[in-house]
Amino acid sequence: MTNTEPTTEETTDLQAGDSEAGEASESMESLMAAQDAMDEAFKPGQLLTGKVVRIDSEGVLVDVGYKTEGVIPLHQLSHRRDVNPEEIVKVGEQVDVSVTRVEGAEGTLILSKKRADLESAWFRVIKAQESGEILTATCTEQVKGGLIVDLGLRGFVPASHVDLRPVHDLSDYVGESLELKVLEIDKPRRKVVLSRKKALEELRGKMRENTMKGLDEGQIVNGVVARLTNFGAFINLGGADGLVHISELSWKRIKHPNEVVRVGEQVDVRVLSVSPEKDRISLSLRQARPDPWTTAVESLKVNDIVPGKVSKLAKNYVFVEIADGVEGLVPISELADFRVTKPAEHFKPDQEVKVKVLEIRPDSRRILLSIRQSSAHSGGGNRGDSVTSTRGDGNSGFTIGDRLQGQLQQYLANGGESTPGPEPKAVEVPDPEPAPVARVEEPNVVVSEQPEAAAE
């Protein structure tokens, strides 16, 4: 009878084989369980935060707290092309990454910084549109119709929204950091439209509001001439423009603001009024400077003879500038020793004259002058010493009455009787036409055209 029971050695071998098979089965199950656990722990698209531990030609190793470091391939570092990895991340830097997949038996994590940045950028842009927040981005290139900016995603700024005024050369903005507001978002098409113009308008409005709050009437502030118009100059006070009316630019009369200031010039101005409800600031340039009228009044005295320059002609007056920004008034009766009906026939702007100070009125800021008395004071005795007359026919000269004026005054002083003296000589008149009759302002006195008749 054959013995079919296994021997002791066979039993041992069978037990060993069963044990190895069991261990292999358990090992496979544990690996599968670990893989399933890893797949459960790290899902594609999941956002993680890790620390950069190494940068090499293969990619960037990031410690995300797993048993092995995750790998960011170079093409997954940034949406920008041909960029040095060390310009994007630094060793020891904390970065946000997105899980792409788990690879290999060891469960190597393949990560993407580009995707993480993109998701983070979309979240930030959407939030900024909802809240009206101003974003900051770098302009990377100029394209047809506008600029491309880097927000972590590509954004487009239309040329009409680059600045407050039209821009002719957009290349000046490439490489610059720009403040932007979100105009439009289309995530499925990966489209973001932004505006620098809107951001500047909002920032300027806030600056203007803050500036106006800090201004007080009478305060002296510094500003820059922003632009000139026919009616005045606009001064930028740092976020707010104030107007200096042409009448407040200088102590003297001017025809245009460019006679006093130029664009870009720094000036001190006095605040006249602030109207937040009208969004208006009124300024004065002349009141922030010494008043030349006060200085002139301190140095002038009645009866002084001073040089001047005709600044303006009126119907019955002539204005004479006797110092920079200081004008005096010459009435028509004080223009000459003869009757003047039209000042413009005898004077012209910028003509140099001598004047006598008749009266100073500090309260009304007026100085009364005389051209006629300045001539008499200097011993001239006739109008030719101070003014050259131009007759209506365009010929310059004088009348017989002008030459005999001194004798007429002496004649009247003696009650109409002539005093002994040499017989007056005949006066030659340069005009081919007969000289007109000279009239004297005193009543009931008529002077003949012939000097002999007057003497008799």
Protein backbone atom coordinates (compact mmCIF):
# COMPACT_ATOMS: atom_id res chain seq x y z
CA MET A 1 0.00 0.00 0.00
CA THR A 2 1.37 3.33 -1.12
CA ASN A 3 1.83 6.09 1.45
CA THR A 4 0.20 9.39 0.07
CA GLU A 5 0.73 11.60 3.12
CA PRO A 6 3.29 14.36 2.57
CA THR A 7 6.58 14.17 4.25
CA THR A 8 7.81 16.75 6.72
CA GLU A 9 10.01 18.47 4.08
CA GLU A 10 7.16 18.70 1.60
CA THR A 11 4.91 20.21 4.23
CA THR A 12 7.50 22.87 5.02
CA ASP A 13 7.89 23.80 1.33
CA LEU A 14 4.15 24.11 0.88
CA GLN A 15 3.87 26.36 3.89
CA ALA A 16 6.69 28.57 2.62
CA GLY A 17 5.06 28.88 -0.82
CA ASP A 18 1.74 29.81 0.70
CA SER A 19 3.46 32.42 2.86
CA GLU A 20 5.26 34.03 -0.10
CA ALA A 21 2.08 34.09 -2.12
CA GLY A 22 0.28 35.72 0.77
CA GLU A 23 3.00 38.33 1.22
CA ALA A 24 2.98 39.15 -2.50
CA SER A 25 -0.76 39.46 -2.42
CA GLU A 26 -0.60 41.72 0.61
CA SER A 27 2.17 43.83 -0.99
CA MET A 28 0.15 44.36 -4.16
CA GLU A 29 -2.92 45.19 -2.16
CA SER A 30 -0.99 47.68 -0.04
CA LEU A 31 0.49 49.32 -3.13
CA MET A 32 -2.90 49.57 -4.72
CA ALA A 33 -4.32 50.93 -1.51
CA ALA A 34 -1.48 53.46 -1.27
CA GLN A 35 -2.04 54.49 -4.89
CA ASP A 36 -5.75 54.82 -4.26
CA ALA A 37 -5.03 56.84 -1.14
CA MET A 38 -2.65 59.06 -3.04
CA ASP A 39 -5.12 59.51 -5.86
CA GLU A 40 -7.69 60.39 -3.24
CA ALA A 41 -5.33 62.84 -1.50
CA PHE A 42 -4.03 64.54 -4.67
CA LYS A 43 -6.66 65.06 -7.30
CA PRO A 44 -5.91 66.76 -10.65
CA GLY A 45 -6.55 70.49 -10.36
CA GLN A 46 -6.03 70.50 -6.61
CA LEU A 47 -4.21 73.60 -5.32
CA LEU A 48 -1.26 73.10 -2.98
CA THR A 49 1.34 75.31 -1.39
CA GLY A 50 4.95 74.15 -1.28
CA LYS A 51 8.54 75.25 -0.86
CA VAL A 52 11.02 75.36 -3.74
CA VAL A 53 13.96 73.07 -2.89
CA ARG A 54 15.81 72.85 -6.21
CA ILE A 55 15.91 74.39 -9.70
CA ASP A 56 17.59 72.52 -12.56
CA SER A 57 17.33 71.95 -16.29
CA GLU A 58 14.56 69.35 -15.83
CA GLY A 59 12.28 71.54 -13.77
CA VAL A 60 11.63 72.75 -10.24
CA LEU A 61 11.37 70.44 -7.19
CA VAL A 62 8.77 71.53 -4.65
CA ASP A 63 8.21 70.11 -1.17
CA VAL A 64 4.44 69.91 -0.65
CA GLY A 65 4.63 67.78 2.53
CA TYR A 66 4.48 64.44 0.72
CA LYS A 67 7.08 61.65 1.02
CA THR A 68 8.68 62.80 -2.23
CA GLU A 69 9.01 66.23 -3.79
CA GLY A 70 6.69 67.24 -6.56
CA VAL A 71 8.07 68.30 -9.93
CA ILE A 72 7.12 71.39 -11.93
CA PRO A 73 8.17 70.90 -15.58
CA LEU A 74 9.70 74.05 -17.09
CA HIS A 75 6.81 74.56 -19.50
CA GLN A 76 4.44 74.62 -16.52
CA LEU A 77 6.24 77.42 -14.68
CA SER A 78 4.65 80.44 -16.40
CA HIS A 79 2.42 81.47 -19.26
CA ARG A 80 5.28 83.69 -20.40
CA ARG A 81 7.53 82.05 -22.95
CA ASP A 82 11.32 81.76 -23.02
CA VAL A 83 11.74 82.89 -19.43
CA ASN A 84 14.61 81.89 -17.15
CA PRO A 85 13.18 79.68 -14.33
CA GLU A 86 15.13 81.66 -11.73
CA GLU A 87 13.25 84.77 -12.82
CA ILE A 88 10.00 83.04 -11.89
CA VAL A 89 10.88 81.29 -8.60
CA LYS A 90 13.72 81.24 -6.08
CA VAL A 91 15.00 78.41 -3.87
CA GLY A 92 13.30 78.61 -0.49
CA GLU A 93 10.32 80.56 -1.88
CA GLN A 94 6.76 79.52 -1.07
CA VAL A 95 4.72 78.92 -4.24
CA ASP A 96 1.18 77.91 -5.12
CA VAL A 97 0.94 74.91 -7.47
CA SER A 98 -1.78 72.83 -9.07
CA VAL A 99 -1.69 69.01 -9.23
CA THR A 100 -1.56 67.79 -12.81
CA ARG A 101 -1.25 64.01 -12.19
CA VAL A 102 0.43 61.34 -10.05
CA GLU A 103 3.06 59.49 -12.06
CA GLY A 104 5.02 56.23 -11.63
CA ALA A 105 5.03 53.48 -9.04
CA GLU A 106 6.61 55.83 -6.54
CA GLY A 107 3.76 58.28 -6.98
CA THR A 108 5.68 61.30 -8.22
CA LEU A 109 3.53 64.41 -8.20
CA ILE A 110 3.59 66.38 -11.45
CA LEU A 111 2.72 69.97 -10.63
CA SER A 112 1.95 73.19 -12.52
CA LYS A 113 2.60 76.70 -11.27
CA LYS A 114 1.16 78.17 -14.45
CA ARG A 115 -2.26 76.65 -13.80
CA ALA A 116 -2.23 77.72 -10.18
CA ASP A 117 -1.32 81.28 -11.14
CA LEU A 118 -4.02 81.27 -13.79
CA GLU A 119 -6.74 80.16 -11.38
CA SER A 120 -5.57 82.63 -8.78
CA ALA A 121 -5.47 85.41 -11.38
CA TRP A 122 -8.99 84.67 -12.59
CA PHE A 123 -10.26 84.76 -9.02
CA ARG A 124 -8.52 88.10 -8.40
CA VAL A 125 -9.76 89.66 -11.65
CA ILE A 126 -13.37 88.56 -11.09
CA LYS A 127 -13.27 89.89 -7.55
CA ALA A 128 -11.80 93.22 -8.76
CA GLN A 129 -14.58 93.63 -11.30
CA GLU A 130 -17.22 93.05 -8.65
CA SER A 131 -15.65 95.38 -6.07
CA GLY A 132 -14.28 98.04 -8.46
CA GLU A 133 -10.76 97.45 -7.15
CA ILE A 134 -7.82 98.91 -9.10
CA LEU A 135 -5.30 96.26 -10.21
CA THR A 136 -1.60 96.68 -10.96
CA ALA A 137 -0.02 94.85 -13.90
CA THR A 138 3.11 95.07 -16.05
CA CYS A 139 2.82 95.90 -19.73
CA THR A 140 4.60 93.13 -21.67
CA GLU A 141 4.06 94.14 -25.29
CA GLN A 142 2.39 96.46 -27.75
CA VAL A 143 -0.09 94.96 -30.21
CA LYS A 144 -2.40 96.35 -32.84
CA GLY A 145 -4.96 98.53 -31.13
CA GLY A 146 -3.56 98.46 -27.61
CA LEU A 147 -1.31 96.89 -24.98
CA ILE A 148 -0.91 93.41 -23.45
CA VAL A 149 -0.44 93.29 -19.67
CA ASP A 150 0.52 90.45 -17.31
CA LEU A 151 -2.00 89.82 -14.54
CA GLY A 152 -1.00 86.20 -14.08
CA LEU A 153 -3.03 85.90 -17.26
CA ARG A 154 -2.98 87.97 -20.43
CA GLY A 155 -5.03 91.14 -20.30
CA PHE A 156 -5.75 93.66 -23.07
CA VAL A 157 -5.83 97.46 -22.72
CA PRO A 158 -7.40 99.24 -25.75
CA ALA A 159 -5.44 102.26 -27.05
CA SER A 160 -8.37 104.56 -26.20
CA HIS A 161 -8.12 103.49 -22.55
CA VAL A 162 -4.36 103.83 -22.11
CA ASP A 163 -4.43 107.46 -20.88
CA LEU A 164 -6.73 110.38 -20.20
CA ARG A 165 -5.66 111.94 -23.50
CA PRO A 166 -4.99 110.22 -26.85
CA VAL A 167 -1.60 108.47 -27.00
CA HIS A 168 0.30 108.38 -30.29
CA ASP A 169 3.21 106.12 -29.27
CA LEU A 170 2.15 103.12 -27.17
CA SER A 171 5.67 101.67 -27.08
CA ASP A 172 6.54 104.08 -24.25
CA TYR A 173 4.38 101.98 -21.91
CA VAL A 174 6.07 98.60 -22.57
CA GLY A 175 7.79 97.43 -19.39
CA GLU A 176 5.91 99.94 -17.23
CA SER A 177 3.71 99.05 -14.24
CA LEU A 178 0.15 100.23 -14.91
CA GLU A 179 -2.85 100.75 -12.65
CA LEU A 180 -5.97 99.30 -14.27
CA LYS A 181 -9.69 98.78 -13.81
CA VAL A 182 -11.52 95.75 -15.23
CA LEU A 183 -13.93 96.57 -18.05
CA GLU A 184 -14.91 93.12 -19.35
CA ILE A 185 -14.35 89.43 -18.50
CA ASP A 186 -15.04 86.40 -20.72
CA LYS A 187 -13.53 83.40 -18.92
CA PRO A 188 -14.50 80.71 -21.48
CA ARG A 189 -12.71 82.71 -24.16
CA ARG A 190 -9.95 83.70 -21.70
CA LYS A 191 -10.57 87.38 -22.44
CA VAL A 192 -9.94 90.24 -20.02
CA VAL A 193 -10.30 93.89 -21.11
CA LEU A 194 -8.92 96.60 -18.82
CA SER A 195 -8.72 100.41 -18.67
CA ARG A 196 -5.95 102.61 -17.35
CA LYS A 197 -8.00 105.71 -18.19
CA LYS A 198 -10.76 104.73 -15.75
CA ALA A 199 -8.22 104.03 -13.03
CA LEU A 200 -6.55 107.42 -13.53
CA GLU A 201 -9.90 109.21 -13.42
CA GLU A 202 -10.78 107.51 -10.14
CA LEU A 203 -7.36 108.18 -8.61
CA ARG A 204 -7.43 111.80 -9.73
CA GLY A 205 -10.90 112.24 -8.26
CA LYS A 206 -9.73 110.95 -4.88
CA MET A 207 -6.60 113.11 -4.98
CA ARG A 208 -8.67 116.17 -5.93
CA GLU A 209 -11.05 115.56 -3.06
CA ASN A 210 -8.18 115.20 -0.59
CA THR A 211 -6.44 118.28 -1.97
CA MET A 212 -9.55 120.45 -1.74
CA LYS A 213 -10.10 119.34 1.86
CA GLY A 214 -6.60 120.52 2.75
CA LEU A 215 -6.94 124.01 1.23
CA ASP A 216 -7.90 127.11 3.22
CA GLU A 217 -8.70 130.58 1.92
CA GLY A 218 -5.66 132.85 2.15
CA GLN A 219 -3.23 129.93 2.21
CA ILE A 220 -0.07 130.15 0.06
CA VAL A 221 0.56 126.88 -1.81
CA ASN A 222 3.00 125.70 -4.45
CA GLY A 223 1.88 124.35 -7.80
CA VAL A 224 2.87 123.77 -11.41
CA VAL A 225 1.44 125.64 -14.38
CA ALA A 226 -0.58 122.95 -16.20
CA ARG A 227 -2.02 124.90 -19.15
CA LEU A 228 -2.76 128.41 -20.37
CA THR A 229 -5.93 129.89 -21.84
CA ASN A 230 -6.93 133.36 -22.99
CA PHE A 231 -8.70 134.00 -19.69
CA GLY A 232 -6.11 132.63 -17.25
CA ALA A 233 -3.76 129.86 -16.16
CA PHE A 234 -4.57 126.48 -14.59
CA ILE A 235 -2.23 125.49 -11.75
CA ASN A 236 -1.87 121.85 -10.69
CA LEU A 237 -1.77 121.60 -6.90
CA GLY A 238 -1.14 117.86 -6.79
CA GLY A 239 -4.32 116.13 -7.86
CA ALA A 240 -6.41 119.28 -8.29
CA ASP A 241 -6.21 122.14 -10.79
CA GLY A 242 -7.04 125.67 -9.71
CA LEU A 243 -7.65 128.68 -11.96
CA VAL A 244 -5.72 131.93 -11.79
CA HIS A 245 -7.82 134.47 -13.69
CA ILE A 246 -5.84 136.78 -15.98
CA SER A 247 -6.65 139.70 -13.66
CA GLU A 248 -4.93 137.86 -10.79
CA LEU A 249 -1.76 136.96 -12.66
CA SER A 250 0.05 140.30 -12.38
CA TRP A 251 -0.20 143.67 -10.67
CA LYS A 252 -0.03 145.31 -14.08
CA ARG A 253 -2.28 144.92 -17.12
CA ILE A 254 -1.43 142.02 -19.41
CA LYS A 255 -2.97 140.77 -22.64
CA HIS A 256 -2.19 137.06 -22.27
CA PRO A 257 -1.03 134.78 -19.41
CA ASN A 258 2.12 133.82 -21.35
CA GLU A 259 3.47 137.27 -20.53
CA VAL A 260 3.80 136.16 -16.91
CA VAL A 261 4.06 132.35 -16.69
CA ARG A 262 4.85 129.33 -18.87
CA VAL A 263 3.65 125.72 -18.82
CA GLY A 264 5.67 123.54 -16.43
CA GLU A 265 6.82 126.45 -14.27
CA GLN A 266 6.56 126.11 -10.49
CA VAL A 267 4.79 129.03 -8.82
CA ASP A 268 3.45 130.05 -5.42
CA VAL A 269 -0.21 131.06 -5.41
CA ARG A 270 -2.70 132.32 -2.84
CA VAL A 271 -5.99 130.44 -2.38
CA LEU A 272 -8.89 132.84 -2.93
CA SER A 273 -11.79 130.40 -2.61
CA VAL A 274 -12.57 126.68 -2.60
CA SER A 275 -15.96 125.40 -3.81
CA PRO A 276 -16.23 121.59 -3.52
CA GLU A 277 -19.86 121.66 -4.67
CA LYS A 278 -18.81 123.44 -7.89
CA ASP A 279 -15.51 121.55 -8.07
CA ARG A 280 -13.71 124.88 -8.39
CA ILE A 281 -10.56 126.38 -6.88
CA SER A 282 -9.81 130.09 -7.41
CA LEU A 283 -6.20 131.21 -7.04
CA SER A 284 -4.13 134.39 -7.27
CA LEU A 285 -0.53 134.65 -8.40
CA ARG A 286 -0.08 138.38 -7.82
CA GLN A 287 -1.37 138.26 -4.24
CA ALA A 288 1.30 135.69 -3.39
CA ARG A 289 3.97 138.23 -4.38
CA PRO A 290 4.91 141.61 -2.86
CA ASP A 291 2.58 144.45 -3.87
CA PRO A 292 4.68 146.87 -5.97
CA TRP A 293 2.07 149.60 -5.46
CA THR A 294 2.71 149.67 -1.72
CA THR A 295 6.47 149.89 -2.29
CA ALA A 296 6.05 152.66 -4.85
CA VAL A 297 3.75 154.70 -2.61
CA GLU A 298 6.30 154.56 0.19
CA SER A 299 8.98 156.04 -2.08
CA LEU A 300 6.78 158.60 -3.91
CA LYS A 301 5.82 162.08 -2.69
CA VAL A 302 3.47 164.70 -4.09
CA ASN A 303 5.22 167.04 -6.58
CA ASP A 304 7.85 164.42 -7.47
CA ILE A 305 8.84 164.35 -11.15
CA VAL A 306 9.30 160.74 -12.29
CA PRO A 307 9.79 158.99 -15.63
CA GLY A 308 7.02 156.78 -16.94
CA LYS A 309 5.68 154.92 -19.96
CA VAL A 310 2.23 155.21 -21.51
CA SER A 311 0.44 151.93 -20.84
CA LYS A 312 -3.11 152.61 -21.98
CA LEU A 313 -5.11 155.29 -23.78
CA ALA A 314 -8.72 156.11 -22.94
CA LYS A 315 -11.18 158.76 -24.12
CA ASN A 316 -10.44 161.24 -21.32
CA TYR A 317 -7.41 159.70 -19.64
CA VAL A 318 -3.94 158.36 -20.25
CA PHE A 319 -2.53 155.65 -17.98
CA VAL A 320 1.20 155.90 -17.31
CA GLU A 321 3.24 153.11 -15.73
CA ILE A 322 5.71 154.68 -13.32
CA ALA A 323 7.01 151.40 -11.83
CA ASP A 324 6.62 147.71 -12.60
CA GLY A 325 2.97 146.99 -11.86
CA VAL A 326 2.19 150.58 -10.76
CA GLU A 327 0.07 152.84 -12.96
CA GLY A 328 -0.99 156.43 -12.50
CA LEU A 329 -3.84 158.35 -14.14
CA VAL A 330 -3.30 161.49 -16.22
CA PRO A 331 -6.59 163.38 -16.87
CA ILE A 332 -7.02 164.90 -20.30
CA SER A 333 -6.66 168.40 -18.81
CA GLU A 334 -3.18 167.49 -17.53
CA LEU A 335 -1.80 166.12 -20.77
CA ALA A 336 -0.40 169.33 -22.27
CA ASP A 337 -0.42 173.13 -22.12
CA PHE A 338 -2.77 173.18 -25.08
CA ARG A 339 -6.24 171.80 -25.52
CA VAL A 340 -6.25 168.04 -26.19
CA THR A 341 -9.47 166.48 -27.46
CA LYS A 342 -8.17 163.06 -28.45
CA PRO A 343 -5.26 161.65 -26.40
CA ALA A 344 -4.56 159.08 -29.12
CA GLU A 345 -3.56 161.91 -31.50
CA HIS A 346 -0.71 162.96 -29.24
CA PHE A 347 0.31 159.80 -27.37
CA LYS A 348 0.90 156.17 -28.18
CA PRO A 349 1.40 153.03 -26.05
CA ASP A 350 4.92 152.51 -24.67
CA GLN A 351 5.78 156.16 -25.26
CA GLU A 352 8.19 157.44 -22.59
CA VAL A 353 7.09 160.57 -20.73
CA LYS A 354 7.85 162.51 -17.57
CA VAL A 355 5.05 163.04 -15.08
CA LYS A 356 4.47 165.02 -11.92
CA VAL A 357 2.78 163.38 -8.94
CA LEU A 358 -0.29 165.45 -8.08
CA GLU A 359 -2.08 163.22 -5.60
CA ILE A 360 -1.68 159.80 -3.95
CA ARG A 361 -4.77 157.97 -2.72
CA PRO A 362 -3.68 154.83 -0.81
CA ASP A 363 -7.25 153.79 0.05
CA SER A 364 -8.38 153.60 -3.57
CA ARG A 365 -4.93 152.66 -4.90
CA ARG A 366 -4.88 155.62 -7.28
CA ILE A 367 -2.14 158.03 -8.22
CA LEU A 368 -3.03 161.26 -10.04
CA LEU A 369 -0.33 162.47 -12.46
CA SER A 370 0.33 165.40 -14.79
CA ILE A 371 2.42 165.50 -17.94
CA ARG A 372 1.73 169.24 -18.44
CA GLN A 373 3.02 170.28 -15.02
CA SER A 374 6.10 168.12 -15.30
CA SER A 375 7.10 170.23 -18.31
CA ALA A 376 6.44 173.53 -16.53
CA HIS A 377 8.34 172.36 -13.44
CA SER A 378 11.40 171.55 -15.53
CA GLY A 379 11.34 175.10 -17.02
CA GLY A 380 10.24 174.12 -20.50
CA GLY A 381 7.31 176.52 -20.61
CA ASN A 382 5.74 175.03 -23.69
CA ARG A 383 4.46 171.74 -24.84
CA GLY A 384 7.37 171.06 -27.12
CA ASP A 385 9.54 170.21 -24.09
CA SER A 386 7.44 167.17 -23.17
CA VAL A 387 5.14 166.31 -26.06
CA THR A 388 5.48 166.52 -29.84
CA SER A 389 2.07 167.36 -31.26
CA THR A 390 0.66 165.81 -34.38
CA ARG A 391 -1.98 167.87 -36.16
CA GLY A 392 -5.00 166.44 -37.79
CA ASP A 393 -3.45 166.77 -41.27
CA GLY A 394 -0.54 164.54 -40.19
CA ASN A 395 2.07 167.37 -40.06
CA SER A 396 3.89 167.97 -36.82
CA GLY A 397 4.43 171.60 -35.66
CA PHE A 398 2.95 174.30 -33.42
CA THR A 399 0.60 177.29 -33.59
CA ILE A 400 1.29 180.98 -33.02
CA GLY A 401 -0.85 180.81 -29.92
CA ASP A 402 1.50 178.16 -28.49
CA ARG A 403 4.52 180.45 -28.90
CA LEU A 404 2.74 183.51 -27.44
CA GLN A 405 1.27 181.76 -24.45
CA GLY A 406 3.75 183.32 -22.00
CA GLN A 407 3.07 186.82 -23.29
CA LEU A 408 -0.67 186.24 -23.12
CA GLN A 409 -0.44 185.29 -19.48
CA GLN A 410 1.58 188.47 -18.74
CA TYR A 411 -0.91 190.55 -20.70
CA LEU A 412 -3.82 189.25 -18.70
CA ALA A 413 -1.96 189.74 -15.40
CA ASN A 414 -1.49 193.50 -16.19
CA GLY A 415 -5.17 194.06 -16.81
CA GLY A 416 -4.87 194.17 -20.55
CA GLU A 417 -1.97 196.69 -20.68
CA SER A 418 1.19 195.69 -22.37
CA THR A 419 4.53 196.16 -20.61
CA PRO A 420 7.40 197.87 -22.29
CA GLY A 421 9.81 195.60 -23.89
CA PRO A 422 11.26 194.59 -27.18
CA GLU A 423 8.85 194.24 -29.99
CA PRO A 424 7.99 190.55 -30.50
CA LYS A 425 9.47 189.02 -33.57
CA ALA A 426 7.35 187.40 -36.21
CA VAL A 427 7.14 183.65 -35.93
CA GLU A 428 7.65 181.52 -38.97
CA VAL A 429 5.09 178.77 -39.28
CA PRO A 430 6.45 175.61 -40.95
CA ASP A 431 3.05 174.63 -42.33
CA PRO A 432 2.19 175.81 -45.82
CA GLU A 433 -1.36 176.52 -44.71
CA PRO A 434 -2.30 179.49 -42.46
CA ALA A 435 -2.02 178.69 -38.78
CA PRO A 436 -5.33 178.43 -36.92
CA VAL A 437 -6.44 180.92 -34.32
CA ALA A 438 -5.12 180.12 -30.86
CA ARG A 439 -7.82 180.14 -28.22
CA VAL A 440 -7.27 180.71 -24.52
CA GLU A 441 -9.51 179.13 -21.94
CA GLU A 442 -10.09 182.41 -19.96
CA PRO A 443 -13.54 183.97 -20.72
CA ASN A 444 -14.07 187.06 -22.88
CA VAL A 445 -10.49 187.19 -24.19
CA VAL A 446 -9.88 186.87 -27.91
CA VAL A 447 -6.37 186.89 -29.29
CA SER A 448 -5.76 188.09 -32.81
CA GLU A 449 -3.80 185.99 -35.24
CA GLN A 450 -1.18 188.82 -35.50
CA PRO A 451 1.20 189.19 -32.56
CA GLU A 452 1.40 193.01 -33.09
CA ALA A 453 -2.34 193.36 -32.49
CA ALA A 454 -2.04 191.39 -29.30
CA ALA A 455 0.76 193.65 -28.05
CA GLU A 456 -1.23 196.81 -28.75
